[in-house]
Structure formats: C-alpha cells, structure tokens
PDB file of N, CA and C in Angstrom:
ATOM      1  N   MET A   1      52.573  33.975-204.585  1.00  0.00           N
ATOM      2  CA  MET A   1      53.323  35.095-204.761  1.00  0.00           C
ATOM      3  C   MET A   1      52.990  35.902-205.905  1.00  0.00           C
ATOM      4  N   LEU A   2      53.271  34.519-206.903  1.00  0.00           N
ATOM      5  CA  LEU A   2      52.863  35.084-208.116  1.00  0.00           C
ATOM      6  C   LEU A   2      51.698  35.771-208.797  1.00  0.00           C
ATOM      7  N   MET A   3      50.520  35.192-208.244  1.00  0.00           N
ATOM      8  CA  MET A   3      49.173  35.829-208.394  1.00  0.00           C
ATOM      9  C   MET A   3      48.957  37.176-207.572  1.00  0.00           C
ATOM     10  N   LEU A   4      49.613  37.428-206.310  1.00  0.00           N
ATOM     11  CA  LEU A   4      49.624  38.512-205.866  1.00  0.00           C
ATOM     12  C   LEU A   4      50.362  39.514-206.667  1.00  0.00           C
ATOM     13  N   THR A   5      51.399  39.399-207.229  1.00  0.00           N
ATOM     14  CA  THR A   5      52.168  40.354-208.177  1.00  0.00           C
ATOM     15  C   THR A   5      51.303  40.581-209.287  1.00  0.00           C
ATOM     16  N   PHE A   6      50.523  39.709-209.916  1.00  0.00           N
ATOM     17  CA  PHE A   6      49.682  39.705-211.051  1.00  0.00           C
ATOM     18  C   PHE A   6      48.389  40.972-210.558  1.00  0.00           C
ATOM     19  N   TYR A   7      47.882  40.678-209.465  1.00  0.00           N
ATOM     20  CA  TYR A   7      47.051  41.537-209.168  1.00  0.00           C
ATOM     21  C   TYR A   7      47.331  42.882-208.877  1.00  0.00           C
ATOM     22  N   PHE A   8      48.552  43.050-208.505  1.00  0.00           N
ATOM     23  CA  PHE A   8      49.087  44.277-208.288  1.00  0.00           C
ATOM     24  C   PHE A   8      49.237  45.057-209.601  1.00  0.00           C
ATOM     25  N   PHE A   9      49.627  43.964-210.517  1.00  0.00           N
ATOM     26  CA  PHE A   9      49.881  44.895-211.909  1.00  0.00           C
ATOM     27  C   PHE A   9      48.640  45.360-212.370  1.00  0.00           C
ATOM     28  N   ILE A  10      47.406  44.460-212.340  1.00  0.00           N
ATOM     29  CA  ILE A  10      46.262  44.699-212.895  1.00  0.00           C
ATOM     30  C   ILE A  10      45.426  45.988-212.415  1.00  0.00           C
ATOM     31  N   ILE A  11      45.803  45.998-211.166  1.00  0.00           N
ATOM     32  CA  ILE A  11      45.173  47.101-210.328  1.00  0.00           C
ATOM     33  C   ILE A  11      45.979  48.362-210.757  1.00  0.00           C
ATOM     34  N   THR A  12      46.975  48.514-210.844  1.00  0.00           N
ATOM     35  CA  THR A  12      47.866  49.619-211.268  1.00  0.00           C
ATOM     36  C   THR A  12      47.749  50.137-212.741  1.00  0.00           C
ATOM     37  N   ILE A  13      47.154  48.964-213.515  1.00  0.00           N
ATOM     38  CA  ILE A  13      47.163  49.364-214.960  1.00  0.00           C
ATOM     39  C   ILE A  13      45.647  49.915-214.847  1.00  0.00           C
ATOM     40  N   ILE A  14      44.681  49.629-214.200  1.00  0.00           N
ATOM     41  CA  ILE A  14      43.236  50.016-214.111  1.00  0.00           C
ATOM     42  C   ILE A  14      43.113  51.492-213.518  1.00  0.00           C
ATOM     43  N   LEU A  15      44.163  51.602-212.322  1.00  0.00           N
ATOM     44  CA  LEU A  15      44.154  52.785-211.900  1.00  0.00           C
ATOM     45  C   LEU A  15      44.848  54.027-212.794  1.00  0.00           C
ATOM     46  N   ILE A  16      45.870  53.646-213.606  1.00  0.00           N
ATOM     47  CA  ILE A  16      46.467  54.676-214.577  1.00  0.00           C
ATOM     48  C   ILE A  16      45.314  54.724-215.551  1.00  0.00           C
ATOM     49  N   ILE A  17      44.573  53.840-216.094  1.00  0.00           N
ATOM     50  CA  ILE A  17      43.566  54.182-217.054  1.00  0.00           C
ATOM     51  C   ILE A  17      42.511  55.198-216.665  1.00  0.00           C
ATOM     52  N   LEU A  18      41.907  54.673-215.283  1.00  0.00           N
ATOM     53  CA  LEU A  18      41.035  55.702-214.991  1.00  0.00           C
ATOM     54  C   LEU A  18      41.573  57.128-214.696  1.00  0.00           C
ATOM     55  N   ILE A  19      42.720  57.112-214.159  1.00  0.00           N
ATOM     56  CA  ILE A  19      43.215  58.881-213.656  1.00  0.00           C
ATOM     57  C   ILE A  19      43.536  59.165-215.477  1.00  0.00           C
ATOM     58  N   SER A  20      43.805  58.855-216.236  1.00  0.00           N
ATOM     59  CA  SER A  20      43.965  59.287-217.370  1.00  0.00           C
ATOM     60  C   SER A  20      42.833  59.802-218.041  1.00  0.00           C
ATOM     61  N   ILE A  21      41.605  59.024-217.858  1.00  0.00           N
ATOM     62  CA  ILE A  21      40.157  59.263-218.363  1.00  0.00           C
ATOM     63  C   ILE A  21      39.897  60.577-217.701  1.00  0.00           C
ATOM     64  N   ALA A  22      39.890  60.377-216.370  1.00  0.00           N
ATOM     65  CA  ALA A  22      39.467  61.659-215.799  1.00  0.00           C
ATOM     66  C   ALA A  22      40.181  62.852-216.122  1.00  0.00           C
ATOM     67  N   THR A  23      41.566  62.869-216.533  1.00  0.00           N
ATOM     68  CA  THR A  23      42.187  63.827-217.036  1.00  0.00           C
ATOM     69  C   THR A  23      41.769  64.550-218.121  1.00  0.00           C
ATOM     70  N   LEU A  24      41.581  63.564-219.005  1.00  0.00           N
ATOM     71  CA  LEU A  24      40.789  63.891-220.335  1.00  0.00           C
ATOM     72  C   LEU A  24      39.662  64.693-220.582  1.00  0.00           C
ATOM     73  N   ILE A  25      38.423  64.159-219.554  1.00  0.00           N
ATOM     74  CA  ILE A  25      37.364  64.715-219.649  1.00  0.00           C
ATOM     75  C   ILE A  25      37.144  65.739-218.385  1.00  0.00           C
ATOM     76  N   ASN A  26      37.988  66.159-218.061  1.00  0.00           N
ATOM     77  CA  ASN A  26      37.938  67.209-217.027  1.00  0.00           C
ATOM     78  C   ASN A  26      37.211  68.538-217.680  1.00  0.00           C
ATOM     79  N   LYS A  27      36.509  69.143-217.023  1.00  0.00           N
ATOM     80  CA  LYS A  27      35.909  70.220-217.626  1.00  0.00           C
ATOM     81  C   LYS A  27      36.946  71.696-217.374  1.00  0.00           C
ATOM     82  N   LYS A  28      38.004  71.585-216.373  1.00  0.00           N
ATOM     83  CA  LYS A  28      38.882  72.388-216.255  1.00  0.00           C
ATOM     84  C   LYS A  28      40.178  72.700-216.993  1.00  0.00           C
ATOM     85  N   THR A  29      40.113  72.750-218.349  1.00  0.00           N
ATOM     86  CA  THR A  29      41.054  72.440-218.942  1.00  0.00           C
ATOM     87  C   THR A  29      41.762  73.809-219.357  1.00  0.00           C
ATOM     88  N   PHE A  30      41.002  74.920-219.228  1.00  0.00           N
ATOM     89  CA  PHE A  30      41.796  76.048-219.406  1.00  0.00           C
ATOM     90  C   PHE A  30      41.860  77.031-218.425  1.00  0.00           C
ATOM     91  N   LYS A  31      42.679  77.858-218.283  1.00  0.00           N
ATOM     92  CA  LYS A  31      43.167  78.502-217.144  1.00  0.00           C
ATOM     93  C   LYS A  31      42.742  80.092-217.505  1.00  0.00           C
ATOM     94  N   ASP A  32      41.854  80.459-216.698  1.00  0.00           N
ATOM     95  CA  ASP A  32      41.307  81.803-216.618  1.00  0.00           C
ATOM     96  C   ASP A  32      42.041  82.939-215.645  1.00  0.00           C
ATOM     97  N   ARG A  33      42.656  83.944-216.037  1.00  0.00           N
ATOM     98  CA  ARG A  33      42.963  84.916-214.970  1.00  0.00           C
ATOM     99  C   ARG A  33      42.067  85.471-213.941  1.00  0.00           C
ATOM    100  N   GLU A  34      40.641  85.433-214.439  1.00  0.00           N
ATOM    101  CA  GLU A  34      39.701  86.082-213.355  1.00  0.00           C
ATOM    102  C   GLU A  34      39.439  84.764-212.376  1.00  0.00           C
ATOM    103  N   LYS A  35      39.541  83.673-212.925  1.00  0.00           N
ATOM    104  CA  LYS A  35      38.941  82.393-212.103  1.00  0.00           C
ATOM    105  C   LYS A  35      40.052  81.933-211.157  1.00  0.00           C
ATOM    106  N   SER A  36      41.441  82.391-211.595  1.00  0.00           N
ATOM    107  CA  SER A  36      42.607  82.082-210.488  1.00  0.00           C
ATOM    108  C   SER A  36      42.766  83.471-209.590  1.00  0.00           C
ATOM    109  N   SER A  37      42.355  84.268-209.899  1.00  0.00           N
ATOM    110  CA  SER A  37      42.487  85.552-209.080  1.00  0.00           C
ATOM    111  C   SER A  37      41.414  85.606-207.668  1.00  0.00           C
ATOM    112  N   PRO A  38      41.937  86.039-206.575  1.00  0.00           N
ATOM    113  CA  PRO A  38      40.887  85.962-205.801  1.00  0.00           C
ATOM    114  C   PRO A  38      39.813  86.911-205.661  1.00  0.00           C
ATOM    115  N   PHE A  39      38.736  86.498-205.178  1.00  0.00           N
ATOM    116  CA  PHE A  39      37.086  87.142-205.603  1.00  0.00           C
ATOM    117  C   PHE A  39      37.110  88.242-204.363  1.00  0.00           C
ATOM    118  N   GLU A  40      36.478  89.221-204.730  1.00  0.00           N
ATOM    119  CA  GLU A  40      36.349  90.416-204.293  1.00  0.00           C
ATOM    120  C   GLU A  40      35.183  91.137-204.792  1.00  0.00           C
ATOM    121  N   CYS A  41      34.139  90.724-204.607  1.00  0.00           N
ATOM    122  CA  CYS A  41      32.983  91.241-205.445  1.00  0.00           C
ATOM    123  C   CYS A  41      32.892  91.632-206.784  1.00  0.00           C
ATOM    124  N   GLY A  42      33.371  90.931-207.329  1.00  0.00           N
ATOM    125  CA  GLY A  42      33.374  91.085-209.056  1.00  0.00           C
ATOM    126  C   GLY A  42      34.602  92.387-209.141  1.00  0.00           C
ATOM    127  N   PHE A  43      35.128  92.797-208.513  1.00  0.00           N
ATOM    128  CA  PHE A  43      36.505  93.862-208.857  1.00  0.00           C
ATOM    129  C   PHE A  43      37.532  93.181-208.781  1.00  0.00           C
ATOM    130  N   ASP A  44      38.727  93.761-209.396  1.00  0.00           N
ATOM    131  CA  ASP A  44      39.969  93.451-209.363  1.00  0.00           C
ATOM    132  C   ASP A  44      40.528  93.610-207.940  1.00  0.00           C
ATOM    133  N   PRO A  45      41.260  92.754-207.387  1.00  0.00           N
ATOM    134  CA  PRO A  45      41.638  92.872-205.951  1.00  0.00           C
ATOM    135  C   PRO A  45      42.824  94.055-206.001  1.00  0.00           C
ATOM    136  N   LYS A  46      42.572  94.953-205.035  1.00  0.00           N
ATOM    137  CA  LYS A  46      43.401  96.327-205.086  1.00  0.00           C
ATOM    138  C   LYS A  46      44.679  96.133-204.132  1.00  0.00           C
ATOM    139  N   ASN A  47      44.717  94.970-203.216  1.00  0.00           N
ATOM    140  CA  ASN A  47      46.006  94.531-202.259  1.00  0.00           C
ATOM    141  C   ASN A  47      46.057  93.252-202.809  1.00  0.00           C
ATOM    142  N   SER A  48      47.381  92.850-202.178  1.00  0.00           N
ATOM    143  CA  SER A  48      47.784  91.278-202.428  1.00  0.00           C
ATOM    144  C   SER A  48      46.958  90.477-201.634  1.00  0.00           C
ATOM    145  N   ALA A  49      46.610  89.335-202.102  1.00  0.00           N
ATOM    146  CA  ALA A  49      46.095  88.452-201.065  1.00  0.00           C
ATOM    147  C   ALA A  49      46.694  87.660-199.923  1.00  0.00           C
ATOM    148  N   ARG A  50      48.014  88.058-200.202  1.00  0.00           N
ATOM    149  CA  ARG A  50      49.092  87.156-199.301  1.00  0.00           C
ATOM    150  C   ARG A  50      49.832  88.170-198.565  1.00  0.00           C
ATOM    151  N   LEU A  51      49.085  88.788-197.586  1.00  0.00           N
ATOM    152  CA  LEU A  51      49.462  89.808-196.755  1.00  0.00           C
ATOM    153  C   LEU A  51      50.615  89.241-195.741  1.00  0.00           C
ATOM    154  N   PRO A  52      51.553  89.996-195.114  1.00  0.00           N
ATOM    155  CA  PRO A  52      52.434  89.403-194.057  1.00  0.00           C
ATOM    156  C   PRO A  52      51.565  89.333-192.972  1.00  0.00           C
ATOM    157  N   PHE A  53      52.183  88.469-192.195  1.00  0.00           N
ATOM    158  CA  PHE A  53      51.557  88.065-190.557  1.00  0.00           C
ATOM    159  C   PHE A  53      52.404  88.598-189.618  1.00  0.00           C
ATOM    160  N   SER A  54      52.070  88.993-188.328  1.00  0.00           N
ATOM    161  CA  SER A  54      53.354  89.137-187.265  1.00  0.00           C
ATOM    162  C   SER A  54      53.939  88.088-186.917  1.00  0.00           C
ATOM    163  N   ILE A  55      55.023  87.851-187.013  1.00  0.00           N
ATOM    164  CA  ILE A  55      56.140  86.757-186.845  1.00  0.00           C
ATOM    165  C   ILE A  55      55.902  86.563-184.781  1.00  0.00           C
ATOM    166  N   HIS A  56      55.584  87.654-184.505  1.00  0.00           N
ATOM    167  CA  HIS A  56      55.554  87.558-182.823  1.00  0.00           C
ATOM    168  C   HIS A  56      54.150  86.916-182.714  1.00  0.00           C
ATOM    169  N   PHE A  57      53.046  87.398-183.451  1.00  0.00           N
ATOM    170  CA  PHE A  57      52.032  86.223-183.044  1.00  0.00           C
ATOM    171  C   PHE A  57      52.333  84.564-183.319  1.00  0.00           C
ATOM    172  N   PHE A  58      53.066  84.576-184.423  1.00  0.00           N
ATOM    173  CA  PHE A  58      53.370  83.287-184.877  1.00  0.00           C
ATOM    174  C   PHE A  58      54.033  82.336-183.668  1.00  0.00           C
ATOM    175  N   LEU A  59      55.107  83.268-182.881  1.00  0.00           N
ATOM    176  CA  LEU A  59      55.709  82.459-181.974  1.00  0.00           C
ATOM    177  C   LEU A  59      55.040  82.691-180.658  1.00  0.00           C
ATOM    178  N   ILE A  60      53.967  83.158-180.354  1.00  0.00           N
ATOM    179  CA  ILE A  60      53.034  83.182-179.111  1.00  0.00           C
ATOM    180  C   ILE A  60      52.093  81.779-179.265  1.00  0.00           C
ATOM    181  N   ALA A  61      51.898  81.492-180.776  1.00  0.00           N
ATOM    182  CA  ALA A  61      51.025  80.520-180.960  1.00  0.00           C
ATOM    183  C   ALA A  61      51.725  79.058-180.913  1.00  0.00           C
ATOM    184  N   LEU A  62      53.002  79.097-181.287  1.00  0.00           N
ATOM    185  CA  LEU A  62      53.829  78.071-181.472  1.00  0.00           C
ATOM    186  C   LEU A  62      54.373  77.613-179.649  1.00  0.00           C
ATOM    187  N   ILE A  63      54.485  78.841-178.837  1.00  0.00           N
ATOM    188  CA  ILE A  63      54.826  78.594-177.846  1.00  0.00           C
ATOM    189  C   ILE A  63      53.338  77.803-177.005  1.00  0.00           C
ATOM    190  N   PHE A  64      52.341  78.294-177.521  1.00  0.00           N
ATOM    191  CA  PHE A  64      51.042  78.005-176.692  1.00  0.00           C
ATOM    192  C   PHE A  64      51.076  76.415-177.079  1.00  0.00           C
ATOM    193  N   LEU A  65      51.145  76.260-178.259  1.00  0.00           N
ATOM    194  CA  LEU A  65      51.122  74.751-178.967  1.00  0.00           C
ATOM    195  C   LEU A  65      52.241  73.779-178.229  1.00  0.00           C
ATOM    196  N   ILE A  66      53.344  74.307-177.947  1.00  0.00           N
ATOM    197  CA  ILE A  66      54.110  73.334-177.198  1.00  0.00           C
ATOM    198  C   ILE A  66      53.922  73.337-175.905  1.00  0.00           C
ATOM    199  N   PHE A  67      53.538  74.353-175.076  1.00  0.00           N
ATOM    200  CA  PHE A  67      53.199  73.956-173.773  1.00  0.00           C
ATOM    201  C   PHE A  67      51.780  73.197-173.922  1.00  0.00           C
ATOM    202  N   ASP A  68      51.017  73.174-174.748  1.00  0.00           N
ATOM    203  CA  ASP A  68      49.693  72.568-174.562  1.00  0.00           C
ATOM    204  C   ASP A  68      49.963  71.052-174.961  1.00  0.00           C
ATOM    205  N   VAL A  69      50.700  70.752-175.774  1.00  0.00           N
ATOM    206  CA  VAL A  69      51.393  69.161-176.123  1.00  0.00           C
ATOM    207  C   VAL A  69      51.948  68.622-174.745  1.00  0.00           C
ATOM    208  N   GLU A  70      52.756  69.339-174.196  1.00  0.00           N
ATOM    209  CA  GLU A  70      53.535  69.148-173.010  1.00  0.00           C
ATOM    210  C   GLU A  70      52.352  68.701-171.540  1.00  0.00           C
ATOM    211  N   ILE A  71      51.272  69.734-171.537  1.00  0.00           N
ATOM    212  CA  ILE A  71      50.334  69.356-170.715  1.00  0.00           C
ATOM    213  C   ILE A  71      49.359  68.178-170.930  1.00  0.00           C
ATOM    214  N   THR A  72      49.626  67.718-172.311  1.00  0.00           N
ATOM    215  CA  THR A  72      48.739  66.362-172.542  1.00  0.00           C
ATOM    216  C   THR A  72      49.295  65.308-172.107  1.00  0.00           C
ATOM    217  N   LEU A  73      50.854  65.435-172.194  1.00  0.00           N
ATOM    218  CA  LEU A  73      51.819  64.625-171.609  1.00  0.00           C
ATOM    219  C   LEU A  73      51.848  64.165-170.226  1.00  0.00           C
ATOM    220  N   ILE A  74      51.266  65.008-169.441  1.00  0.00           N
ATOM    221  CA  ILE A  74      51.250  65.015-168.085  1.00  0.00           C
ATOM    222  C   ILE A  74      50.214  64.354-167.735  1.00  0.00           C
ATOM    223  N   LEU A  75      48.881  64.237-168.523  1.00  0.00           N
ATOM    224  CA  LEU A  75      47.914  63.791-168.070  1.00  0.00           C
ATOM    225  C   LEU A  75      47.818  62.102-167.978  1.00  0.00           C
ATOM    226  N   PRO A  76      48.512  61.440-168.687  1.00  0.00           N
ATOM    227  CA  PRO A  76      48.843  59.819-168.476  1.00  0.00           C
ATOM    228  C   PRO A  76      49.422  59.537-167.009  1.00  0.00           C
ATOM    229  N   PHE A  77      50.215  60.389-166.577  1.00  0.00           N
ATOM    230  CA  PHE A  77      50.800  60.258-165.347  1.00  0.00           C
ATOM    231  C   PHE A  77      49.745  59.809-164.164  1.00  0.00           C
ATOM    232  N   VAL A  78      48.417  60.422-163.912  1.00  0.00           N
ATOM    233  CA  VAL A  78      47.395  60.328-163.298  1.00  0.00           C
ATOM    234  C   VAL A  78      47.081  58.833-163.485  1.00  0.00           C
ATOM    235  N   TYR A  79      46.901  58.285-164.593  1.00  0.00           N
ATOM    236  CA  TYR A  79      46.473  56.784-164.781  1.00  0.00           C
ATOM    237  C   TYR A  79      47.825  55.645-164.444  1.00  0.00           C
ATOM    238  N   SER A  80      48.621  56.014-164.491  1.00  0.00           N
ATOM    239  CA  SER A  80      49.914  55.125-164.300  1.00  0.00           C
ATOM    240  C   SER A  80      50.387  55.266-162.963  1.00  0.00           C
ATOM    241  N   MET A  81      49.511  56.315-161.896  1.00  0.00           N
ATOM    242  CA  MET A  81      50.173  56.125-160.438  1.00  0.00           C
ATOM    243  C   MET A  81      49.792  54.907-159.903  1.00  0.00           C
ATOM    244  N   LYS A  82      48.572  53.951-160.275  1.00  0.00           N
ATOM    245  CA  LYS A  82      48.344  52.665-159.858  1.00  0.00           C
ATOM    246  C   LYS A  82      49.196  51.881-159.900  1.00  0.00           C
ATOM    247  N   ILE A  83      50.167  52.003-160.882  1.00  0.00           N
ATOM    248  CA  ILE A  83      51.093  50.648-161.307  1.00  0.00           C
ATOM    249  C   ILE A  83      52.373  51.100-160.844  1.00  0.00           C
ATOM    250  N   SER A  84      52.731  52.496-160.366  1.00  0.00           N
ATOM    251  CA  SER A  84      54.353  52.401-160.119  1.00  0.00           C
ATOM    252  C   SER A  84      54.410  53.110-158.795  1.00  0.00           C
ATOM    253  N   SER A  85      55.386  53.311-158.181  1.00  0.00           N
ATOM    254  CA  SER A  85      55.557  53.953-156.963  1.00  0.00           C
ATOM    255  C   SER A  85      55.195  55.772-156.887  1.00  0.00           C
ATOM    256  N   ILE A  86      54.672  55.851-155.807  1.00  0.00           N
ATOM    257  CA  ILE A  86      54.390  57.341-155.695  1.00  0.00           C
ATOM    258  C   ILE A  86      55.598  58.155-155.630  1.00  0.00           C
ATOM    259  N   SER A  87      56.667  57.824-155.031  1.00  0.00           N
ATOM    260  CA  SER A  87      57.744  58.584-154.886  1.00  0.00           C
ATOM    261  C   SER A  87      58.578  58.874-156.271  1.00  0.00           C
ATOM    262  N   MET A  88      58.583  57.488-157.210  1.00  0.00           N
ATOM    263  CA  MET A  88      59.283  58.000-158.311  1.00  0.00           C
ATOM    264  C   MET A  88      58.179  58.650-159.267  1.00  0.00           C
ATOM    265  N   MET A  89      57.163  58.584-159.085  1.00  0.00           N
ATOM    266  CA  MET A  89      55.920  59.575-160.134  1.00  0.00           C
ATOM    267  C   MET A  89      56.103  60.843-159.616  1.00  0.00           C
ATOM    268  N   SER A  90      56.136  61.216-158.416  1.00  0.00           N
ATOM    269  CA  SER A  90      56.316  62.560-158.028  1.00  0.00           C
ATOM    270  C   SER A  90      57.539  63.077-158.459  1.00  0.00           C
ATOM    271  N   PHE A  91      58.725  62.125-158.424  1.00  0.00           N
ATOM    272  CA  PHE A  91      59.918  62.754-158.837  1.00  0.00           C
ATOM    273  C   PHE A  91      59.923  63.089-160.127  1.00  0.00           C
ATOM    274  N   THR A  92      59.101  62.147-161.325  1.00  0.00           N
ATOM    275  CA  THR A  92      59.263  62.301-162.632  1.00  0.00           C
ATOM    276  C   THR A  92      58.362  63.432-162.758  1.00  0.00           C
ATOM    277  N   ILE A  93      57.312  63.889-162.230  1.00  0.00           N
ATOM    278  CA  ILE A  93      56.195  64.727-162.541  1.00  0.00           C
ATOM    279  C   ILE A  93      56.890  66.020-162.023  1.00  0.00           C
ATOM    280  N   THR A  94      57.457  66.244-161.144  1.00  0.00           N
ATOM    281  CA  THR A  94      58.309  67.426-160.434  1.00  0.00           C
ATOM    282  C   THR A  94      59.316  67.833-161.578  1.00  0.00           C
ATOM    283  N   LEU A  95      60.276  67.040-162.079  1.00  0.00           N
ATOM    284  CA  LEU A  95      61.358  67.187-162.963  1.00  0.00           C
ATOM    285  C   LEU A  95      60.650  67.667-164.383  1.00  0.00           C
ATOM    286  N   PHE A  96      59.517  67.245-164.699  1.00  0.00           N
ATOM    287  CA  PHE A  96      59.020  67.322-165.733  1.00  0.00           C
ATOM    288  C   PHE A  96      58.360  68.785-165.937  1.00  0.00           C
ATOM    289  N   ILE A  97      57.850  69.271-164.727  1.00  0.00           N
ATOM    290  CA  ILE A  97      57.255  70.468-164.541  1.00  0.00           C
ATOM    291  C   ILE A  97      58.284  71.451-164.394  1.00  0.00           C
ATOM    292  N   LEU A  98      59.465  71.239-163.660  1.00  0.00           N
ATOM    293  CA  LEU A  98      60.386  72.105-163.638  1.00  0.00           C
ATOM    294  C   LEU A  98      60.968  72.332-164.929  1.00  0.00           C
ATOM    295  N   ILE A  99      61.427  71.362-165.811  1.00  0.00           N
ATOM    296  CA  ILE A  99      61.941  71.803-166.915  1.00  0.00           C
ATOM    297  C   ILE A  99      60.570  72.576-167.800  1.00  0.00           C
ATOM    298  N   LEU A 100      59.396  72.476-167.854  1.00  0.00           N
ATOM    299  CA  LEU A 100      58.516  73.310-168.353  1.00  0.00           C
ATOM    300  C   LEU A 100      58.672  74.519-167.914  1.00  0.00           C
ATOM    301  N   LEU A 101      58.902  74.845-166.519  1.00  0.00           N
ATOM    302  CA  LEU A 101      59.274  76.009-165.774  1.00  0.00           C
ATOM    303  C   LEU A 101      60.501  76.954-166.146  1.00  0.00           C
ATOM    304  N   ILE A 102      61.382  76.054-166.319  1.00  0.00           N
ATOM    305  CA  ILE A 102      62.867  76.652-167.042  1.00  0.00           C
ATOM    306  C   ILE A 102      62.536  77.049-168.454  1.00  0.00           C
ATOM    307  N   GLY A 103      62.103  76.250-169.040  1.00  0.00           N
ATOM    308  CA  GLY A 103      61.698  77.008-170.608  1.00  0.00           C
ATOM    309  C   GLY A 103      60.579  77.940-170.712  1.00  0.00           C
ATOM    310  N   LEU A 104      59.666  78.137-169.509  1.00  0.00           N
ATOM    311  CA  LEU A 104      58.754  79.304-169.743  1.00  0.00           C
ATOM    312  C   LEU A 104      59.551  80.384-168.910  1.00  0.00           C
ATOM    313  N   TYR A 105      60.389  80.298-168.054  1.00  0.00           N
ATOM    314  CA  TYR A 105      61.288  81.349-167.868  1.00  0.00           C
ATOM    315  C   TYR A 105      62.267  81.953-168.838  1.00  0.00           C
ATOM    316  N   HIS A 106      62.590  80.910-169.763  1.00  0.00           N
ATOM    317  CA  HIS A 106      63.721  81.300-170.938  1.00  0.00           C
ATOM    318  C   HIS A 106      62.994  81.975-171.775  1.00  0.00           C
ATOM    319  N   GLU A 107      61.750  81.999-172.150  1.00  0.00           N
ATOM    320  CA  GLU A 107      61.009  82.543-173.213  1.00  0.00           C
ATOM    321  C   GLU A 107      60.626  83.867-172.682  1.00  0.00           C
ATOM    322  N   TRP A 108      60.328  83.855-171.450  1.00  0.00           N
ATOM    323  CA  TRP A 108      59.799  85.263-170.969  1.00  0.00           C
ATOM    324  C   TRP A 108      60.818  86.110-170.719  1.00  0.00           C
ATOM    325  N   ASN A 109      62.238  85.690-170.181  1.00  0.00           N
ATOM    326  CA  ASN A 109      63.423  86.329-170.406  1.00  0.00           C
ATOM    327  C   ASN A 109      63.891  86.853-171.643  1.00  0.00           C
ATOM    328  N   GLN A 110      63.547  86.128-172.697  1.00  0.00           N
ATOM    329  CA  GLN A 110      64.024  86.455-174.072  1.00  0.00           C
ATOM    330  C   GLN A 110      62.953  87.401-174.590  1.00  0.00           C
ATOM    331  N   GLY A 111      61.863  87.785-173.956  1.00  0.00           N
ATOM    332  CA  GLY A 111      60.994  88.597-174.440  1.00  0.00           C
ATOM    333  C   GLY A 111      59.724  88.063-175.164  1.00  0.00           C
ATOM    334  N   ALA A 112      59.885  86.702-175.646  1.00  0.00           N
ATOM    335  CA  ALA A 112      58.783  86.361-176.377  1.00  0.00           C
ATOM    336  C   ALA A 112      57.392  86.339-175.974  1.00  0.00           C
ATOM    337  N   LEU A 113      57.433  86.398-174.850  1.00  0.00           N
ATOM    338  CA  LEU A 113      55.782  86.754-174.168  1.00  0.00           C
ATOM    339  C   LEU A 113      55.177  88.127-173.984  1.00  0.00           C
ATOM    340  N   ASN A 114      55.978  89.195-174.378  1.00  0.00           N
ATOM    341  CA  ASN A 114      56.015  90.665-174.427  1.00  0.00           C
ATOM    342  C   ASN A 114      55.076  90.910-175.425  1.00  0.00           C
ATOM    343  N   TRP A 115      53.599  91.270-174.918  1.00  0.00           N
ATOM    344  CA  TRP A 115      52.651  91.501-175.914  1.00  0.00           C
ATOM    345  C   TRP A 115      53.032  92.931-176.288  1.00  0.00           C
ATOM    346  N   ASN A 116      53.306  93.654-175.995  1.00  0.00           N
ATOM    347  CA  ASN A 116      53.715  95.515-176.041  1.00  0.00           C
ATOM    348  C   ASN A 116      54.903  95.470-177.242  1.00  0.00           C
ATOM    349  N   LEU A 117      54.545  95.576-178.391  1.00  0.00           N
ATOM    350  CA  LEU A 117      55.678  96.040-179.342  1.00  0.00           C
ATOM    351  C   LEU A 117      55.521  97.229-179.979  1.00  0.00           C
TER     352      LEU A 117
END
C-alpha cells in the first residue's frame, strides 16, 4: 500500500512538471483580437456570430430524441420473448406503447408538433 501511494505521488509530480513545461513553452501566449474573432474572408464580421435559433425547432428535435430513445428501448423486447411468457411481454409492450401514444397526444394537443408558426 505504501508503494502504491509512493507511485501515485511520483506520477502526480511528473504530470504537474510536464503540464507546467507545456504552458511555459506554448506558442499561443498572446491574445489577438483578429485571431479570436470569427473568420469571414478577412473582413470584420457584420453580424454577431451567435444568432438566436428557433426554440420550436429545438423542441421538435428534443421530442424526436425522446421518442427515438424510447423506440430503442422497445427493441430488446424481441430478444427477451424467448425467456419470458408471451402474455407478460405483450402486456408490457402494450403498456409501453400506450404511454408513448399518450405522450405524443399530449405534445400534439399542446401544439408542440405544429409546424405552422
């Protein structure tokens, strides 16, 4: 145990020395306004590089991601049908899909799936 602690401290000291040397001989020591600004063919940017995006698009992408993950949760049920009873598996899958459909109906009822804004 004492040897393991000794090795840990030696490795930590070597890492600190290497990181210190790397920061001292780093070529990027100065900050330049032109290098930190976004590149647009050598000209100064006219607009901000951080434009706001549509929150509706973000919500649609989030809903798609949630339903995509839930579909991947359904796939292992096919492989586990050999192990468990068919009635229990069908009840579980039916309940799972019913919960998904209720969530989809709720999103549709709230207008989150409406593309016409």
